[in-house]
C-alpha atoms as a PDB file:
ATOM      1  CA  MET A   1      16.033  11.045  -9.079  1.00  0.00           C
ATOM      2  CA  ILE A   2      15.659   7.287  -8.825  1.00  0.00           C
ATOM      3  CA  TYR A   3      17.010   4.857 -11.407  1.00  0.00           C
ATOM      4  CA  THR A   4      14.700   2.359 -13.065  1.00  0.00           C
ATOM      5  CA  LYS A   5      16.350  -0.808 -11.701  1.00  0.00           C
ATOM      6  CA  ASP A   6      16.466   0.647  -8.164  1.00  0.00           C
ATOM      7  CA  ALA A   7      12.833   1.687  -8.422  1.00  0.00           C
ATOM      8  CA  GLU A   8      11.754  -1.743  -9.683  1.00  0.00           C
ATOM      9  CA  LYS A   9      13.577  -3.443  -6.813  1.00  0.00           C
ATOM     10  CA  LEU A  10      12.090  -1.056  -4.265  1.00  0.00           C
ATOM     11  CA  LEU A  11       8.542  -1.689  -5.483  1.00  0.00           C
ATOM     12  CA  LEU A  12       9.041  -5.461  -5.673  1.00  0.00           C
ATOM     13  CA  ASP A  13      10.468  -5.475  -2.136  1.00  0.00           C
ATOM     14  CA  MET A  14       7.359  -3.610  -1.001  1.00  0.00           C
ATOM     15  CA  GLY A  15       5.127  -6.302  -2.446  1.00  0.00           C
ATOM     16  CA  LEU A  16       4.040  -4.239  -5.460  1.00  0.00           C
ATOM     17  CA  THR A  17       4.416  -5.353  -9.069  1.00  0.00           C
ATOM     18  CA  PRO A  18       5.800  -2.521 -11.195  1.00  0.00           C
ATOM     19  CA  ILE A  19       5.083  -2.073 -14.865  1.00  0.00           C
ATOM     20  CA  VAL A  20       7.673   0.091 -16.619  1.00  0.00           C
ATOM     21  CA  ALA A  21       7.054   1.920 -19.883  1.00  0.00           C
ATOM     22  CA  GLU A  22       9.588   4.060 -21.693  1.00  0.00           C
ATOM     23  CA  ASP A  23       8.500   7.632 -22.348  1.00  0.00           C
ATOM     24  CA  GLN A  24       7.787   7.889 -26.072  1.00  0.00           C
ATOM     25  CA  LYS A  25       9.002  11.490 -26.237  1.00  0.00           C
ATOM     26  CA  ASP A  26      12.102  11.113 -24.047  1.00  0.00           C
ATOM     27  CA  SER A  27      13.904   7.755 -24.074  1.00  0.00           C
ATOM     28  CA  SER A  28      15.862   8.723 -20.945  1.00  0.00           C
ATOM     29  CA  LYS A  29      12.625   8.644 -18.894  1.00  0.00           C
ATOM     30  CA  ASP A  30      10.530   5.714 -17.754  1.00  0.00           C
ATOM     31  CA  HIS A  31       6.970   5.718 -16.471  1.00  0.00           C
ATOM     32  CA  PHE A  32       5.994   3.442 -13.601  1.00  0.00           C
ATOM     33  CA  PHE A  33       2.640   1.860 -12.979  1.00  0.00           C
ATOM     34  CA  ILE A  34       1.758  -0.743 -10.402  1.00  0.00           C
ATOM     35  CA  GLU A  35      -0.572  -3.674 -10.652  1.00  0.00           C
ATOM     36  CA  LYS A  36      -3.478  -3.851  -8.235  1.00  0.00           C
ATOM     37  CA  ASP A  37      -2.228  -7.051  -6.634  1.00  0.00           C
ATOM     38  CA  VAL A  38      -0.161  -6.571  -3.482  1.00  0.00           C
ATOM     39  CA  VAL A  39       1.888  -9.178  -1.630  1.00  0.00           C
ATOM     40  CA  TRP A  40       0.805  -7.907   1.766  1.00  0.00           C
ATOM     41  CA  ASP A  41       3.270  -9.884   3.886  1.00  0.00           C
ATOM     42  CA  LYS A  42       6.112  -8.310   1.871  1.00  0.00           C
ATOM     43  CA  MET A  43       4.525  -4.890   2.390  1.00  0.00           C
ATOM     44  CA  PHE A  44       4.424  -5.380   6.168  1.00  0.00           C
ATOM     45  CA  THR A  45       8.012  -6.664   6.257  1.00  0.00           C
ATOM     46  CA  HIS A  46       9.253  -3.748   4.173  1.00  0.00           C
ATOM     47  CA  LEU A  47       7.372  -1.265   6.320  1.00  0.00           C
ATOM     48  CA  LYS A  48       8.868  -2.827   9.446  1.00  0.00           C
ATOM     49  CA  HIS A  49      12.432  -2.451   8.161  1.00  0.00           C
ATOM     50  CA  LYS A  50      12.186   0.869   6.304  1.00  0.00           C
ATOM     51  CA  ARG A  51       9.765   2.835   8.496  1.00  0.00           C
ATOM     52  CA  PRO A  52       9.835   1.270  11.972  1.00  0.00           C
ATOM     53  CA  GLU A  53       7.954   4.226  13.492  1.00  0.00           C
ATOM     54  CA  LEU A  54       4.982   3.647  11.174  1.00  0.00           C
ATOM     55  CA  TYR A  55       5.166  -0.064  11.827  1.00  0.00           C
ATOM     56  CA  ALA A  56       5.275   0.623  15.586  1.00  0.00           C
ATOM     57  CA  ALA A  57       2.087   2.663  15.216  1.00  0.00           C
ATOM     58  CA  LEU A  58       0.407  -0.500  13.932  1.00  0.00           C
ATOM     59  CA  ASP A  59       1.191  -2.186  17.250  1.00  0.00           C
ATOM     60  CA  THR A  60      -1.304   0.186  18.881  1.00  0.00           C
ATOM     61  CA  VAL A  61      -4.115  -1.495  16.933  1.00  0.00           C
ATOM     62  CA  PRO A  62      -5.961  -4.069  19.030  1.00  0.00           C
ATOM     63  CA  HIS A  63      -5.308  -7.614  17.788  1.00  0.00           C
ATOM     64  CA  ILE A  64      -2.889  -6.364  15.101  1.00  0.00           C
ATOM     65  CA  ASN A  65      -1.542  -9.831  14.288  1.00  0.00           C
ATOM     66  CA  TRP A  66      -5.071 -11.070  13.657  1.00  0.00           C
ATOM     67  CA  ILE A  67      -5.766  -7.985  11.508  1.00  0.00           C
ATOM     68  CA  LYS A  68      -2.568  -8.504   9.483  1.00  0.00           C
ATOM     69  CA  ASN A  69      -3.557 -12.147   8.968  1.00  0.00           C
ATOM     70  CA  ILE A  70      -6.956 -11.013   7.660  1.00  0.00           C
ATOM     71  CA  ILE A  71      -5.257  -8.657   5.207  1.00  0.00           C
ATOM     72  CA  ILE A  72      -2.702 -11.240   4.098  1.00  0.00           C
ATOM     73  CA  SER A  73      -5.269 -14.028   3.706  1.00  0.00           C
ATOM     74  CA  ARG A  74      -7.852 -11.892   1.880  1.00  0.00           C
ATOM     75  CA  SER A  75      -5.161 -10.252  -0.298  1.00  0.00           C
ATOM     76  CA  PRO A  76      -7.257  -7.188  -1.194  1.00  0.00           C
ATOM     77  CA  LYS A  77      -6.372  -5.300  -4.339  1.00  0.00           C
ATOM     78  CA  LEU A  78      -4.942  -1.807  -4.061  1.00  0.00           C
ATOM     79  CA  GLU A  79      -7.188   0.832  -5.592  1.00  0.00           C
ATOM     80  CA  ALA A  80      -6.260   4.430  -6.425  1.00  0.00           C
ATOM     81  CA  PHE A  81      -8.906   7.081  -5.932  1.00  0.00           C
ATOM     82  CA  ASN A  82      -9.195  10.838  -5.585  1.00  0.00           C
ATOM     83  CA  LEU A  83     -10.372  12.183  -2.241  1.00  0.00           C
ATOM     84  CA  GLU A  84     -10.934  15.928  -2.003  1.00  0.00           C
ATOM     85  CA  GLY A  85      -8.283  16.593  -4.637  1.00  0.00           C
ATOM     86  CA  HIS A  86      -5.702  14.229  -3.161  1.00  0.00           C
ATOM     87  CA  GLU A  87      -4.561  11.006  -4.802  1.00  0.00           C
ATOM     88  CA  CYS A  88      -5.118   8.192  -2.302  1.00  0.00           C
ATOM     89  CA  PHE A  89      -4.764   4.435  -2.235  1.00  0.00           C
ATOM     90  CA  GLY A  90      -7.084   2.044  -0.504  1.00  0.00           C
ATOM     91  CA  VAL A  91      -8.689  -1.347  -0.442  1.00  0.00           C
ATOM     92  CA  MET A  92     -12.219  -2.565  -0.040  1.00  0.00           C
ATOM     93  CA  PHE A  93     -13.411  -5.569   1.900  1.00  0.00           C
ATOM     94  CA  PRO A  94     -16.858  -6.634   0.645  1.00  0.00           C
ATOM     95  CA  GLU A  95     -17.559  -8.221   4.050  1.00  0.00           C
ATOM     96  CA  LEU A  96     -17.298  -4.816   5.706  1.00  0.00           C
ATOM     97  CA  VAL A  97     -19.564  -3.195   3.169  1.00  0.00           C
ATOM     98  CA  LYS A  98     -22.249  -5.841   3.726  1.00  0.00           C
ATOM     99  CA  ARG A  99     -21.968  -6.057   7.520  1.00  0.00           C
ATOM    100  CA  GLY A 100     -20.470  -2.661   8.317  1.00  0.00           C
ATOM    101  CA  GLU A 101     -22.491  -1.890  11.425  1.00  0.00           C
ATOM    102  CA  LYS A 102     -21.639  -5.206  13.055  1.00  0.00           C
ATOM    103  CA  LEU A 103     -17.940  -4.863  12.233  1.00  0.00           C
ATOM    104  CA  GLN A 104     -17.291  -1.212  13.095  1.00  0.00           C
ATOM    105  CA  ARG A 105     -14.278  -1.934  15.300  1.00  0.00           C
ATOM    106  CA  LEU A 106     -12.668  -4.091  12.635  1.00  0.00           C
ATOM    107  CA  ASP A 107     -13.385  -1.367  10.074  1.00  0.00           C
ATOM    108  CA  GLN A 108     -11.703   1.253  12.303  1.00  0.00           C
ATOM    109  CA  CYS A 109      -8.667  -0.966  12.880  1.00  0.00           C
ATOM    110  CA  LEU A 110      -8.274  -1.716   9.170  1.00  0.00           C
ATOM    111  CA  ARG A 111      -8.683   1.960   8.334  1.00  0.00           C
ATOM    112  CA  PHE A 112      -5.820   2.894  10.696  1.00  0.00           C
ATOM    113  CA  VAL A 113      -3.571   0.184   9.240  1.00  0.00           C
ATOM    114  CA  PHE A 114      -4.225   1.340   5.675  1.00  0.00           C
ATOM    115  CA  ILE A 115      -3.748   5.019   6.558  1.00  0.00           C
ATOM    116  CA  ASN A 116      -0.213   4.157   7.682  1.00  0.00           C
ATOM    117  CA  ILE A 117       0.437   2.051   4.590  1.00  0.00           C
ATOM    118  CA  GLN A 118      -0.961   4.805   2.367  1.00  0.00           C
ATOM    119  CA  LYS A 119       1.335   7.341   4.015  1.00  0.00           C
ATOM    120  CA  TYR A 120       4.327   5.148   3.262  1.00  0.00           C
ATOM    121  CA  ILE A 121       3.294   4.338  -0.315  1.00  0.00           C
ATOM    122  CA  THR A 122       2.725   8.031  -1.031  1.00  0.00           C
ATOM    123  CA  GLU A 123       6.207   8.882   0.284  1.00  0.00           C
ATOM    124  CA  ILE A 124       7.725   6.241  -1.991  1.00  0.00           C
ATOM    125  CA  PHE A 125       5.750   7.349  -5.046  1.00  0.00           C
ATOM    126  CA  ASN A 126       6.757  10.980  -4.505  1.00  0.00           C
ATOM    127  CA  LYS A 127      10.347   9.897  -5.216  1.00  0.00           C
ATOM    128  CA  PHE A 128       9.311   9.059  -8.767  1.00  0.00           C
ATOM    129  CA  GLU A 129       8.136  12.549  -9.712  1.00  0.00           C
END
């Protein structure tokens, strides 16, 4: 179990903006939603401090600082989607959609970064159930 104030702080520290709604049937429960906007530099900092092994995996990505700067500067919105029956989170860069073949390496690097972030976000969200 995680308390509402602790959960709000955790999500804010991660760079996510929580929206809390009281359960209409049970006033001792709250429901959490997150806005699509993510403060990506906060997300990277939180990941570095809370899951250093996942953060270390990012260091294997070629030009990771450049990639993180792309993510931070573009500030993509987090999208939830269902993939083969699993709830996933991801982002979309229109530049990659338009010029995908020319930017395959960048696409692969970004995909690896977001797989690690998704793994961490999923672990955090599982605490809420």
